Amino acid sequence: MSRAGLTRARHALLAGMLAALLAPSMAPGRPSPASAPASAASAAPRLMEQGHYRNVDGAVVHSPAHTDTGATPVGASARCRDGSFSFSAHRRGTCSHHGGVARWL
């Protein structure tokens, strides 16, 4: 796949994740997050900060965020030196306000 194709695929993935974060839907019969068992809550790490920004491509991207468990969230591209995870689609500027990149994922 070309670099442009990979970038489009990453943007589509991030857009889907952003839509799920901004408008969570509750299916009928599905328990609410507050009543979910503890094992379900520990299955996937939750992001503690909910900021977003528009990148140079015009895509909306989740700002670097910490997780409740410290585990790597789906879609993260780097771990920042302050312990937050970045969802940046480009290397330039990644974790720039979070101490720089500690590790690329």
N, C-alpha and C. Protein backbone atom coordinates (compact mmCIF):
# COMPACT_ATOMS: atom_id res chain seq x y z
N MET A 1 0.85 -1.16 0.00
CA MET A 1 0.00 0.00 0.00
C MET A 1 0.90 1.24 0.00
N SER A 2 0.50 2.26 -0.72
CA SER A 2 1.31 3.47 -0.81
C SER A 2 1.25 4.24 0.50
N ARG A 3 2.17 5.18 0.67
CA ARG A 3 2.19 6.01 1.87
C ARG A 3 0.90 6.82 1.99
N ALA A 4 0.41 7.35 0.87
CA ALA A 4 -0.85 8.11 0.89
C ALA A 4 -2.01 7.20 1.27
N GLY A 5 -1.99 5.97 0.80
CA GLY A 5 -3.05 5.01 1.15
C GLY A 5 -3.03 4.68 2.62
N LEU A 6 -1.83 4.52 3.17
CA LEU A 6 -1.70 4.25 4.61
C LEU A 6 -2.20 5.44 5.42
N THR A 7 -1.87 6.65 4.96
CA THR A 7 -2.32 7.85 5.66
C THR A 7 -3.84 7.93 5.65
N ARG A 8 -4.47 7.66 4.50
CA ARG A 8 -5.93 7.68 4.41
C ARG A 8 -6.55 6.62 5.32
N ALA A 9 -5.94 5.43 5.35
CA ALA A 9 -6.46 4.35 6.20
C ALA A 9 -6.35 4.73 7.67
N ARG A 10 -5.23 5.33 8.06
CA ARG A 10 -5.05 5.75 9.44
C ARG A 10 -6.06 6.84 9.80
N HIS A 11 -6.29 7.79 8.88
CA HIS A 11 -7.26 8.85 9.14
C HIS A 11 -8.66 8.29 9.28
N ALA A 12 -9.00 7.31 8.45
CA ALA A 12 -10.32 6.69 8.54
C ALA A 12 -10.48 5.99 9.88
N LEU A 13 -9.45 5.29 10.32
CA LEU A 13 -9.50 4.61 11.61
C LEU A 13 -9.67 5.61 12.73
N LEU A 14 -8.88 6.68 12.72
CA LEU A 14 -8.97 7.70 13.75
C LEU A 14 -10.31 8.41 13.74
N ALA A 15 -10.86 8.68 12.56
CA ALA A 15 -12.17 9.32 12.46
C ALA A 15 -13.25 8.42 13.07
N GLY A 16 -13.16 7.13 12.81
CA GLY A 16 -14.12 6.19 13.39
C GLY A 16 -14.01 6.14 14.90
N MET A 17 -12.78 6.16 15.40
CA MET A 17 -12.57 6.14 16.85
C MET A 17 -13.10 7.43 17.47
N LEU A 18 -12.86 8.55 16.80
CA LEU A 18 -13.33 9.83 17.30
C LEU A 18 -14.85 9.86 17.34
N ALA A 19 -15.49 9.36 16.30
CA ALA A 19 -16.95 9.33 16.27
C ALA A 19 -17.49 8.47 17.40
N ALA A 20 -16.84 7.36 17.69
CA ALA A 20 -17.28 6.49 18.78
C ALA A 20 -17.11 7.18 20.13
N LEU A 21 -16.05 7.96 20.29
CA LEU A 21 -15.82 8.66 21.55
C LEU A 21 -16.80 9.80 21.76
N LEU A 22 -17.09 10.52 20.67
CA LEU A 22 -17.94 11.70 20.79
C LEU A 22 -19.42 11.36 20.88
N ALA A 23 -19.85 10.26 20.30
CA ALA A 23 -21.28 9.91 20.28
C ALA A 23 -21.47 8.44 20.60
N PRO A 24 -21.17 8.03 21.84
CA PRO A 24 -21.36 6.62 22.16
C PRO A 24 -22.84 6.27 22.15
N SER A 25 -23.17 5.19 21.50
CA SER A 25 -24.57 4.77 21.45
C SER A 25 -24.73 3.54 22.31
N MET A 26 -25.85 3.45 22.94
CA MET A 26 -26.15 2.30 23.78
C MET A 26 -27.16 1.43 23.06
N ALA A 27 -26.76 0.24 22.70
CA ALA A 27 -27.66 -0.69 22.04
C ALA A 27 -28.69 -1.19 23.04
N PRO A 28 -29.93 -1.48 22.58
CA PRO A 28 -30.95 -1.99 23.50
C PRO A 28 -30.45 -3.26 24.19
N GLY A 29 -30.68 -3.33 25.49
CA GLY A 29 -30.28 -4.50 26.24
C GLY A 29 -28.83 -4.51 26.67
N ARG A 30 -28.08 -3.54 26.22
CA ARG A 30 -26.66 -3.46 26.58
C ARG A 30 -26.53 -2.67 27.88
N PRO A 31 -25.76 -3.15 28.85
CA PRO A 31 -25.65 -2.42 30.12
C PRO A 31 -24.94 -1.09 29.94
N SER A 32 -25.31 -0.12 30.75
CA SER A 32 -24.65 1.18 30.70
C SER A 32 -23.24 1.02 31.27
N PRO A 33 -22.32 1.92 30.92
CA PRO A 33 -20.96 1.81 31.44
C PRO A 33 -20.91 1.80 32.96
N ALA A 34 -21.81 2.53 33.62
CA ALA A 34 -21.81 2.59 35.07
C ALA A 34 -22.19 1.25 35.70
N SER A 35 -23.03 0.46 35.01
CA SER A 35 -23.46 -0.81 35.56
C SER A 35 -22.68 -2.00 35.00
N ALA A 36 -21.71 -1.73 34.16
CA ALA A 36 -20.91 -2.81 33.57
C ALA A 36 -20.05 -3.46 34.64
N PRO A 37 -19.85 -4.77 34.55
CA PRO A 37 -18.99 -5.43 35.54
C PRO A 37 -17.56 -4.93 35.46
N ALA A 38 -16.83 -5.05 36.55
CA ALA A 38 -15.45 -4.55 36.61
C ALA A 38 -14.56 -5.21 35.57
N SER A 39 -14.81 -6.50 35.25
CA SER A 39 -13.99 -7.18 34.26
C SER A 39 -14.16 -6.56 32.88
N ALA A 40 -15.36 -6.10 32.55
CA ALA A 40 -15.59 -5.45 31.26
C ALA A 40 -14.89 -4.10 31.21
N ALA A 41 -14.89 -3.39 32.34
CA ALA A 41 -14.25 -2.08 32.39
C ALA A 41 -12.75 -2.19 32.23
N SER A 42 -12.16 -3.30 32.68
CA SER A 42 -10.71 -3.45 32.59
C SER A 42 -10.26 -4.02 31.25
N ALA A 43 -11.20 -4.40 30.38
CA ALA A 43 -10.86 -5.01 29.10
C ALA A 43 -10.14 -4.02 28.18
N ALA A 44 -10.60 -2.79 28.13
CA ALA A 44 -9.98 -1.80 27.26
C ALA A 44 -9.67 -0.55 28.08
N PRO A 45 -8.48 0.03 27.92
CA PRO A 45 -8.16 1.22 28.70
C PRO A 45 -9.01 2.41 28.24
N ARG A 46 -9.38 3.24 29.18
CA ARG A 46 -10.17 4.44 28.88
C ARG A 46 -9.25 5.65 28.88
N LEU A 47 -9.50 6.56 27.95
CA LEU A 47 -8.71 7.78 27.88
C LEU A 47 -9.19 8.76 28.95
N MET A 48 -8.26 9.37 29.66
CA MET A 48 -8.60 10.27 30.75
C MET A 48 -8.87 11.69 30.26
N GLU A 49 -8.19 12.14 29.23
CA GLU A 49 -8.41 13.47 28.67
C GLU A 49 -9.17 13.33 27.36
N GLN A 50 -10.01 14.31 27.05
CA GLN A 50 -10.87 14.18 25.86
C GLN A 50 -10.67 15.31 24.84
N GLY A 51 -9.51 15.95 24.80
CA GLY A 51 -9.26 17.03 23.85
C GLY A 51 -9.02 16.51 22.43
N HIS A 52 -9.22 17.41 21.47
CA HIS A 52 -8.99 17.09 20.05
C HIS A 52 -8.37 18.29 19.36
N TYR A 53 -7.73 18.04 18.24
CA TYR A 53 -7.18 19.12 17.43
C TYR A 53 -7.29 18.75 15.97
N ARG A 54 -7.14 19.74 15.10
CA ARG A 54 -7.17 19.51 13.66
C ARG A 54 -5.74 19.51 13.16
N ASN A 55 -5.31 18.42 12.51
CA ASN A 55 -3.92 18.32 12.06
C ASN A 55 -3.71 19.04 10.72
N VAL A 56 -2.50 18.97 10.19
CA VAL A 56 -2.17 19.69 8.96
C VAL A 56 -2.97 19.19 7.75
N ASP A 57 -3.50 17.98 7.83
CA ASP A 57 -4.33 17.44 6.75
C ASP A 57 -5.79 17.86 6.88
N GLY A 58 -6.12 18.52 7.99
CA GLY A 58 -7.50 18.92 8.24
C GLY A 58 -8.31 17.86 8.98
N ALA A 59 -7.68 16.77 9.37
CA ALA A 59 -8.38 15.70 10.09
C ALA A 59 -8.42 16.04 11.58
N VAL A 60 -9.52 15.68 12.23
CA VAL A 60 -9.63 15.86 13.67
C VAL A 60 -8.97 14.66 14.35
N VAL A 61 -8.04 14.95 15.27
CA VAL A 61 -7.25 13.93 15.93
C VAL A 61 -7.38 14.10 17.44
N HIS A 62 -7.44 13.00 18.16
CA HIS A 62 -7.49 13.05 19.63
C HIS A 62 -6.16 13.57 20.14
N SER A 63 -6.21 14.50 21.06
CA SER A 63 -4.99 15.03 21.67
C SER A 63 -4.34 13.95 22.53
N PRO A 64 -3.04 14.09 22.80
CA PRO A 64 -2.40 13.11 23.67
C PRO A 64 -3.17 12.96 24.98
N ALA A 65 -3.31 11.71 25.43
CA ALA A 65 -4.09 11.44 26.63
C ALA A 65 -3.48 10.28 27.40
N HIS A 66 -3.71 10.28 28.70
CA HIS A 66 -3.33 9.17 29.57
C HIS A 66 -4.48 8.17 29.57
N THR A 67 -4.19 6.93 29.93
CA THR A 67 -5.24 5.94 30.08
C THR A 67 -5.40 5.61 31.56
N ASP A 68 -6.57 5.09 31.92
CA ASP A 68 -6.84 4.77 33.32
C ASP A 68 -5.98 3.61 33.82
N THR A 69 -5.51 2.76 32.91
CA THR A 69 -4.72 1.59 33.31
C THR A 69 -3.24 1.71 32.95
N GLY A 70 -2.89 2.69 32.13
CA GLY A 70 -1.52 2.80 31.64
C GLY A 70 -1.25 1.94 30.42
N ALA A 71 -2.26 1.15 30.01
CA ALA A 71 -2.13 0.29 28.83
C ALA A 71 -2.27 1.12 27.56
N THR A 72 -1.67 0.65 26.49
CA THR A 72 -1.72 1.35 25.21
C THR A 72 -3.12 1.29 24.60
N PRO A 73 -3.72 2.46 24.28
CA PRO A 73 -5.05 2.46 23.67
C PRO A 73 -4.97 2.14 22.18
N VAL A 74 -6.06 1.67 21.62
CA VAL A 74 -6.14 1.38 20.20
C VAL A 74 -5.94 2.67 19.41
N GLY A 75 -5.12 2.63 18.39
CA GLY A 75 -4.91 3.78 17.52
C GLY A 75 -3.77 4.69 17.93
N ALA A 76 -3.15 4.44 19.07
CA ALA A 76 -2.05 5.30 19.51
C ALA A 76 -0.84 5.09 18.60
N SER A 77 -0.14 6.18 18.31
CA SER A 77 1.02 6.09 17.43
C SER A 77 2.34 6.27 18.19
N ALA A 78 2.27 6.86 19.39
CA ALA A 78 3.49 7.09 20.17
C ALA A 78 3.14 7.21 21.64
N ARG A 79 4.15 6.94 22.49
CA ARG A 79 4.02 7.21 23.93
C ARG A 79 4.89 8.42 24.20
N CYS A 80 4.30 9.43 24.82
CA CYS A 80 5.03 10.66 25.13
C CYS A 80 5.82 10.47 26.42
N ARG A 81 6.82 11.35 26.63
CA ARG A 81 7.66 11.25 27.82
C ARG A 81 6.90 11.50 29.11
N ASP A 82 5.76 12.19 29.05
CA ASP A 82 4.97 12.42 30.26
C ASP A 82 4.02 11.26 30.55
N GLY A 83 4.09 10.19 29.73
CA GLY A 83 3.25 9.02 29.95
C GLY A 83 1.96 9.01 29.16
N SER A 84 1.65 10.09 28.46
CA SER A 84 0.43 10.13 27.65
C SER A 84 0.67 9.42 26.32
N PHE A 85 -0.41 9.09 25.63
CA PHE A 85 -0.33 8.44 24.33
C PHE A 85 -0.78 9.41 23.26
N SER A 86 -0.03 9.48 22.15
CA SER A 86 -0.35 10.36 21.03
C SER A 86 -1.03 9.55 19.93
N PHE A 87 -1.95 10.21 19.23
CA PHE A 87 -2.66 9.60 18.11
C PHE A 87 -2.29 10.31 16.81
N SER A 88 -1.15 10.96 16.80
CA SER A 88 -0.69 11.76 15.67
C SER A 88 -0.50 10.90 14.42
N ALA A 89 -0.88 11.46 13.28
CA ALA A 89 -0.71 10.78 12.00
C ALA A 89 0.65 11.11 11.37
N HIS A 90 1.32 12.13 11.90
CA HIS A 90 2.62 12.56 11.38
C HIS A 90 3.63 12.63 12.52
N ARG A 91 4.87 12.40 12.22
CA ARG A 91 5.91 12.42 13.26
C ARG A 91 6.24 13.85 13.71
N ARG A 92 6.21 14.79 12.80
CA ARG A 92 6.59 16.16 13.15
C ARG A 92 5.61 16.75 14.17
N GLY A 93 6.13 17.18 15.30
CA GLY A 93 5.32 17.81 16.33
C GLY A 93 4.67 16.85 17.31
N THR A 94 4.83 15.55 17.08
CA THR A 94 4.22 14.56 17.97
C THR A 94 4.77 14.72 19.38
N CYS A 95 3.89 14.80 20.35
CA CYS A 95 4.22 14.93 21.78
C CYS A 95 4.98 16.22 22.08
N SER A 96 4.84 17.24 21.24
CA SER A 96 5.64 18.45 21.41
C SER A 96 5.35 19.19 22.71
N HIS A 97 4.16 19.08 23.25
CA HIS A 97 3.83 19.72 24.52
C HIS A 97 3.78 18.70 25.66
N HIS A 98 4.33 17.53 25.42
CA HIS A 98 4.31 16.45 26.41
C HIS A 98 5.69 15.86 26.65
N GLY A 99 6.74 16.66 26.40
CA GLY A 99 8.10 16.23 26.68
C GLY A 99 8.78 15.49 25.54
N GLY A 100 8.11 15.40 24.40
CA GLY A 100 8.68 14.68 23.27
C GLY A 100 8.27 13.22 23.29
N VAL A 101 8.70 12.50 22.25
CA VAL A 101 8.34 11.09 22.09
C VAL A 101 9.28 10.21 22.90
N ALA A 102 8.71 9.36 23.75
CA ALA A 102 9.51 8.40 24.49
C ALA A 102 9.69 7.13 23.65
N ARG A 103 8.61 6.75 22.93
CA ARG A 103 8.65 5.51 22.15
C ARG A 103 7.58 5.57 21.06
N TRP A 104 7.97 5.20 19.83
CA TRP A 104 7.01 5.07 18.73
C TRP A 104 6.33 3.72 18.83
N LEU A 105 5.05 3.68 18.56
CA LEU A 105 4.29 2.43 18.66
C LEU A 105 4.01 1.86 17.28
